[in-house]
Protein backbone atom coordinates (compact mmCIF):
# COMPACT_ATOMS: atom_id res chain seq x y z
CA UNK A 1 225.19 -15.04 106.62
CA UNK A 2 227.73 -12.73 104.88
CA UNK A 3 227.20 -13.88 100.59
CA UNK A 4 228.06 -12.22 97.54
CA UNK A 5 225.94 -12.78 94.70
CA UNK A 6 227.36 -13.92 91.48
CA UNK A 7 226.11 -13.00 88.27
CA UNK A 8 228.07 -14.64 85.00
CA UNK A 9 227.10 -14.78 80.85
CA UNK A 10 228.69 -17.77 79.89
CA UNK A 11 229.52 -19.10 76.47
CA UNK A 12 227.32 -21.94 75.63
CA UNK A 13 230.39 -24.09 75.21
CA UNK A 14 231.47 -23.54 78.81
CA UNK A 15 228.25 -23.74 80.34
CA UNK A 16 228.30 -27.11 81.32
CA UNK A 17 231.73 -26.64 83.06
CA UNK A 18 230.61 -23.92 84.69
CA UNK A 19 227.47 -25.62 86.30
CA UNK A 20 229.38 -29.02 87.61
CA UNK A 21 231.84 -26.07 89.22
CA UNK A 22 229.14 -24.55 91.04
CA UNK A 23 226.99 -27.12 91.67
CA UNK A 24 230.22 -29.05 93.00
CA UNK A 25 230.37 -26.47 95.98
CA UNK A 26 228.05 -26.96 98.94
CA UNK A 27 229.20 -23.36 99.58
CA UNK A 28 226.90 -22.35 96.64
CA UNK A 29 223.16 -21.40 96.56
CA UNK A 30 220.09 -20.69 94.77
CA UNK A 31 221.80 -21.38 91.41
CA UNK A 32 220.00 -20.44 88.32
CA UNK A 33 221.04 -21.22 84.66
CA UNK A 34 219.31 -19.53 81.76
CA UNK A 35 220.13 -21.09 78.26
CA UNK A 36 221.00 -18.09 75.77
CA UNK A 37 219.01 -15.85 78.32
CA UNK A 38 221.96 -12.52 77.98
CA UNK A 39 222.85 -10.47 75.51
CA UNK A 40 225.97 -7.81 75.05
CA UNK A 41 227.47 -10.53 75.24
CA UNK A 42 225.55 -13.19 74.15
CA UNK A 43 225.49 -16.57 75.83
CA UNK A 44 223.67 -18.27 78.98
CA UNK A 45 222.80 -16.20 82.01
CA UNK A 46 224.41 -18.00 85.58
CA UNK A 47 223.95 -16.86 88.59
CA UNK A 48 224.00 -17.45 92.27
CA UNK A 49 224.85 -16.79 95.63
CA UNK A 50 228.23 -17.89 97.33
CA UNK A 51 228.92 -17.74 100.63
CA UNK A 52 232.07 -15.38 101.30
CA UNK A 53 234.42 -17.81 102.69
CA UNK A 54 234.52 -19.98 99.52
CA UNK A 55 234.09 -16.85 97.18
CA UNK A 56 237.77 -16.88 96.27
CA UNK A 57 238.06 -20.87 95.23
CA UNK A 58 234.73 -20.35 93.00
CA UNK A 59 235.79 -16.98 91.70
CA UNK A 60 239.40 -18.42 91.11
CA UNK A 61 237.90 -21.30 89.28
CA UNK A 62 235.57 -19.66 86.92
CA UNK A 63 238.35 -17.14 85.99
CA UNK A 64 240.34 -20.38 84.99
CA UNK A 65 237.65 -21.40 82.64
CA UNK A 66 238.03 -17.83 80.86
CA UNK A 67 234.43 -17.03 81.48
CA UNK A 68 235.46 -13.77 82.62
CA UNK A 69 237.35 -13.49 79.52
CA UNK A 70 234.80 -14.87 76.88
CA UNK A 71 231.92 -14.00 79.06
CA UNK A 72 231.45 -11.45 81.74
CA UNK A 73 231.49 -12.10 85.35
CA UNK A 74 229.95 -9.70 88.18
CA UNK A 75 230.09 -9.70 91.62
CA UNK A 76 227.98 -8.24 94.32
CA UNK A 77 227.40 -7.99 98.06
CA UNK A 78 224.37 -9.75 99.49
CA UNK A 79 222.62 -7.17 101.80
CA UNK A 80 220.55 -9.38 103.49
CA UNK A 81 219.63 -13.35 103.54
CA UNK A 82 217.57 -15.58 104.79
CA UNK A 83 218.89 -19.23 105.00
CA UNK A 84 218.13 -23.04 105.63
CA UNK A 85 219.62 -25.55 107.73
CA UNK A 86 221.94 -26.48 104.65
CA UNK A 87 223.51 -23.31 104.51
CA UNK A 88 224.05 -22.62 107.97
CA UNK A 89 226.00 -25.65 107.93
CA UNK A 90 227.99 -25.03 104.98
CA UNK A 91 229.32 -21.68 106.76
CA UNK A 92 229.85 -23.81 110.02
CA UNK A 93 232.20 -25.90 107.58
CA UNK A 94 233.73 -23.13 106.74
CA UNK A 95 235.35 -22.57 109.64
CA UNK A 96 237.67 -19.61 109.99
CA UNK A 97 237.16 -18.64 106.01
CA UNK A 98 233.68 -17.67 107.13
CA UNK A 99 235.55 -13.95 107.34
CA UNK A 100 238.25 -14.27 104.37
CA UNK A 101 238.00 -11.20 102.15
CA UNK A 102 236.80 -11.79 98.34
CA UNK A 103 240.00 -10.52 96.46
CA UNK A 104 238.12 -9.84 93.69
CA UNK A 105 236.01 -7.36 95.21
CA UNK A 106 238.71 -5.59 97.39
CA UNK A 107 241.06 -5.04 94.55
CA UNK A 108 237.97 -3.50 92.51
CA UNK A 109 237.53 -1.43 95.39
CA UNK A 110 240.89 0.20 95.25
CA UNK A 111 240.85 0.16 91.82
CA UNK A 112 237.82 1.92 91.78
CA UNK A 113 239.24 4.34 93.88
CA UNK A 114 241.68 4.67 91.76
CA UNK A 115 240.15 7.11 89.43
CA UNK A 116 241.25 10.50 89.67
CA UNK A 117 238.76 12.63 88.33
CA UNK A 118 238.85 16.50 88.39
CA UNK A 119 237.08 16.26 91.93
CA UNK A 120 240.34 14.42 93.31
CA UNK A 121 242.11 17.37 92.93
CA UNK A 122 239.62 19.90 93.94
CA UNK A 123 239.02 17.82 97.10
CA UNK A 124 242.53 18.06 97.41
CA UNK A 125 243.16 22.02 97.31
CA UNK A 126 240.09 22.46 99.16
CA UNK A 127 241.32 20.30 102.28
CA UNK A 128 245.02 22.07 101.69
CA UNK A 129 243.23 25.86 102.01
CA UNK A 130 241.14 24.43 105.41
CA UNK A 131 244.27 22.93 106.81
CA UNK A 132 246.32 26.29 106.08
CA UNK A 133 243.65 28.17 108.44
CA UNK A 134 243.51 25.39 110.62
CA UNK A 135 246.79 26.27 111.12
CA UNK A 136 247.48 30.00 110.97
CA UNK A 137 244.44 30.05 113.56
CA UNK A 138 245.98 27.35 115.44
CA UNK A 139 242.78 25.51 115.27
CA UNK A 140 243.18 21.67 115.52
CA UNK A 141 239.56 20.60 114.44
CA UNK A 142 240.03 22.51 111.33
CA UNK A 143 242.69 20.26 110.58
CA UNK A 144 241.20 17.26 111.74
CA UNK A 145 238.38 18.60 108.73
CA UNK A 146 240.70 19.11 106.12
CA UNK A 147 242.34 15.50 106.82
CA UNK A 148 238.99 13.84 106.80
CA UNK A 149 238.10 16.23 103.39
CA UNK A 150 242.05 15.38 101.70
CA UNK A 151 241.12 12.23 99.23
CA UNK A 152 245.06 11.27 99.07
CA UNK A 153 244.92 7.98 100.81
CA UNK A 154 242.74 6.70 97.78
CA UNK A 155 245.92 6.87 95.56
CA UNK A 156 248.08 5.89 98.14
CA UNK A 157 246.53 2.84 98.74
CA UNK A 158 246.71 2.34 94.85
CA UNK A 159 249.87 2.62 94.43
CA UNK A 160 250.08 0.05 97.23
CA UNK A 161 248.17 -2.28 95.12
CA UNK A 162 249.94 -1.60 92.29
CA UNK A 163 253.20 -2.62 93.99
CA UNK A 164 251.91 -5.76 95.59
CA UNK A 165 250.16 -6.79 92.33
CA UNK A 166 253.76 -5.58 90.15
CA UNK A 167 251.26 -3.22 88.05
CA UNK A 168 253.49 -0.55 86.89
CA UNK A 169 250.61 1.46 85.33
CA UNK A 170 248.83 1.42 87.99
CA UNK A 171 251.60 2.74 90.45
CA UNK A 172 252.87 5.03 87.71
CA UNK A 173 249.07 6.83 87.32
CA UNK A 174 248.81 6.55 91.38
CA UNK A 175 251.95 8.27 91.79
CA UNK A 176 251.34 10.83 89.07
CA UNK A 177 247.95 11.70 90.44
CA UNK A 178 249.61 12.04 94.23
CA UNK A 179 252.01 14.30 93.07
CA UNK A 180 249.99 16.21 90.83
CA UNK A 181 247.40 17.16 93.53
CA UNK A 182 249.78 17.59 96.53
CA UNK A 183 252.03 19.99 94.23
CA UNK A 184 248.71 21.74 93.10
CA UNK A 185 247.49 22.06 96.82
CA UNK A 186 251.20 23.36 97.95
CA UNK A 187 250.73 26.08 95.17
CA UNK A 188 247.28 27.14 95.56
CA UNK A 189 247.76 26.87 99.45
CA UNK A 190 251.10 29.52 99.43
CA UNK A 191 248.93 32.02 97.08
CA UNK A 192 245.93 31.73 99.65
CA UNK A 193 248.17 32.22 102.77
CA UNK A 194 250.58 35.11 100.97
CA UNK A 195 246.94 36.63 101.03
CA UNK A 196 246.90 36.02 104.65
CA UNK A 197 249.91 37.73 105.38
CA UNK A 198 249.42 40.45 103.32
CA UNK A 199 246.11 41.53 105.07
CA UNK A 200 247.50 40.02 108.64
CA UNK A 201 244.36 37.82 109.04
CA UNK A 202 246.60 35.16 110.38
CA UNK A 203 246.16 35.40 114.65
CA UNK A 204 248.25 37.25 117.14
CA UNK A 205 249.50 34.13 118.78
CA UNK A 206 250.44 32.89 115.29
CA UNK A 207 252.46 35.90 115.15
CA UNK A 208 254.33 35.48 118.38
CA UNK A 209 255.29 32.25 117.11
CA UNK A 210 253.15 30.15 119.65
CA UNK A 211 252.14 27.40 117.34
CA UNK A 212 251.05 24.43 118.66
CA UNK A 213 249.18 23.00 115.55
CA UNK A 214 252.03 23.71 113.16
CA UNK A 215 255.00 22.80 115.42
CA UNK A 216 252.76 19.14 115.70
CA UNK A 217 252.75 18.99 111.57
CA UNK A 218 256.44 19.97 111.07
CA UNK A 219 258.50 18.27 113.44
CA UNK A 220 259.27 14.63 112.22
CA UNK A 221 260.04 12.06 114.61
CA UNK A 222 259.73 8.40 115.60
CA UNK A 223 256.15 8.86 116.35
CA UNK A 224 255.63 9.68 112.57
CA UNK A 225 256.71 6.90 111.63
CA UNK A 226 254.82 4.55 114.48
CA UNK A 227 251.68 6.10 113.29
CA UNK A 228 252.48 6.05 110.14
CA UNK A 229 252.88 2.78 109.90
CA UNK A 230 249.87 2.05 111.90
CA UNK A 231 247.56 3.98 109.91
CA UNK A 232 248.60 1.82 106.85
CA UNK A 233 248.05 -1.61 108.62
CA UNK A 234 244.47 -0.91 109.89
CA UNK A 235 243.63 1.21 106.64
CA UNK A 236 244.15 -1.90 104.47
CA UNK A 237 242.82 -4.07 106.81
CA UNK A 238 239.41 -1.79 106.91
CA UNK A 239 239.65 -1.92 103.22
CA UNK A 240 239.16 -5.81 103.00
CA UNK A 241 236.77 -5.59 105.73
CA UNK A 242 234.89 -2.59 103.98
CA UNK A 243 234.81 -0.74 107.27
CA UNK A 244 234.50 2.53 106.50
CA UNK A 245 234.20 3.34 110.37
CA UNK A 246 237.74 2.50 110.47
CA UNK A 247 239.38 3.80 107.48
CA UNK A 248 238.00 7.52 108.58
CA UNK A 249 240.20 7.02 111.87
CA UNK A 250 243.01 6.62 109.21
CA UNK A 251 242.13 9.61 107.29
CA UNK A 252 242.22 11.79 110.81
CA UNK A 253 245.49 9.67 111.89
CA UNK A 254 247.96 10.60 108.92
CA UNK A 255 249.60 13.69 108.56
CA UNK A 256 249.81 14.20 104.52
CA UNK A 257 247.29 16.98 103.84
CA UNK A 258 248.30 19.15 107.26
CA UNK A 259 251.89 18.65 106.38
CA UNK A 260 251.31 20.41 102.46
CA UNK A 261 249.21 22.83 104.16
CA UNK A 262 252.38 23.26 106.26
CA UNK A 263 254.89 23.78 103.89
CA UNK A 264 252.70 26.08 102.00
CA UNK A 265 252.06 28.68 104.93
CA UNK A 266 255.55 28.17 106.05
CA UNK A 267 256.67 29.16 103.43
CA UNK A 268 254.61 32.19 102.96
CA UNK A 269 255.83 33.32 106.35
CA UNK A 270 259.47 33.00 105.44
CA UNK A 271 259.74 29.73 108.19
CA UNK A 272 262.12 27.96 106.24
CA UNK A 273 263.18 25.43 108.73
CA UNK A 274 259.09 24.55 109.33
CA UNK A 275 258.72 24.28 105.84
CA UNK A 276 261.80 22.07 105.43
CA UNK A 277 259.94 19.91 108.38
CA UNK A 278 256.71 19.66 107.03
CA UNK A 279 258.44 18.35 103.83
CA UNK A 280 260.03 15.69 105.73
CA UNK A 281 256.60 14.58 107.63
CA UNK A 282 254.56 14.64 103.88
CA UNK A 283 257.42 12.14 102.68
CA UNK A 284 257.79 10.40 105.59
CA UNK A 285 254.10 9.31 105.94
CA UNK A 286 253.22 8.72 102.05
CA UNK A 287 256.46 6.63 101.86
CA UNK A 288 255.72 4.43 105.19
CA UNK A 289 252.19 4.47 104.03
CA UNK A 290 252.77 2.55 100.87
CA UNK A 291 255.00 0.28 101.78
CA UNK A 292 253.20 -1.00 105.22
CA UNK A 293 249.99 -0.85 102.73
CA UNK A 294 251.52 -3.19 100.24
CA UNK A 295 253.64 -5.14 102.50
CA UNK A 296 249.68 -5.73 104.59
CA UNK A 297 248.57 -6.50 101.57
CA UNK A 298 250.83 -9.27 100.52
CA UNK A 299 250.93 -10.41 104.55
CA UNK A 300 246.80 -10.68 104.48
CA UNK A 301 246.58 -12.90 101.09
CA UNK A 302 249.42 -14.99 102.16
CA UNK A 303 247.62 -15.41 105.60
CA UNK A 304 244.46 -16.26 104.55
CA UNK A 305 245.78 -18.45 101.68
CA UNK A 306 247.40 -20.69 104.43
CA UNK A 307 244.11 -20.71 106.13
CA UNK A 308 242.44 -22.05 102.79
CA UNK A 309 245.27 -24.60 102.44
CA UNK A 310 245.39 -26.04 106.11
CA UNK A 311 241.54 -26.35 105.77
CA UNK A 312 241.94 -28.71 102.65
CA UNK A 313 244.77 -30.91 104.11
CA UNK A 314 242.46 -31.65 107.19
CA UNK A 315 239.58 -32.50 104.65
CA UNK A 316 237.34 -29.77 105.94
CA UNK A 317 236.31 -28.93 102.35
C-alpha cells in the first residue's frame, strides 16, 4: 500500500485545527500529536501516515492553514507498511486516486535536481568529450554512454516546471545553467576535437567520410521532433511516478549531448553543413522537450484534479 509519512511542527494556536483536519480524514493513519515537543521551530510535533492518493488533499489543507509558513512541513515516502482492514478499506475507497502523484513531492524532486553545482557542468563536459570520441570512432556505444552521463535533462525539466508554474526565476536559472553548460561543453569538446585532428586519432572510416553515427545526429527531420516529443512525455510521467528505469530511457533517447559534441567535432574538421545540422538538432530537442514537458505537467495536474472532483461529486470521499 502506497503511503507517505508526514511530519509537521505546528504553532500551538493551529494545532487544534490541524488535528481536526487529520482526524476527519479516513486516509490518515498512525496520527501522533506531541504538545510542545518541537524545537527550531518551536511548537507541537505532529506526525502521521497518509495514503498517497489522498496526500494532495491533506497537504493542500495544511498549507491553507499556514502550517508550512508558520511552522514546518516535511513529507517522505514510506518504504513498507503493514496495514489492517481499516486502511485497506480506505485505499479501496480512493479508487483511481490510489495512483495519484503527490505534487509537492514531484516539484521538490525537480527543484532539488535544478541546483546546478560545479559537478553539473563537469558531467556535461565529460559527456561531450565521450560523445566526441564516439563520433570520430563511429561508436554507438560511446554515444549512448554520453547520453547517460549528461545531466542536461535536469535543467530542461526544471525550465518546463517553471513555465507550467509561471516561475520566471526557475526558468531563467534553468536556461542560464543549460546554455552555459552546453557552450562550455562545445568549447572544450572543440579543443579536444582539434587535438584529435592534429594527431590523426580519428578512425580511417571517419576520414573517408563514412560517418553513420554523426549522420544520425546532424540530420534533423520529422523523427527528431517525434522522438523528442515522446521522450518529453515519458520523462514527465516517470518523474511524477518516480520510475527511474523509464527516466533512464529518456536520457538514452534524446539527442542533446551528442548534438553538442557533433557541433564541436564538425567545426574542428571544417564540416560546416554537419555543424549546422547538429546545431538545429540540439535546438529542436531542447525546445520540444521543454514545451512538451510543460504541457505534460499541466495536463497531468488537470487530469488528476478531474479524477478527484469526479470522486467527490459521486460521494466516494
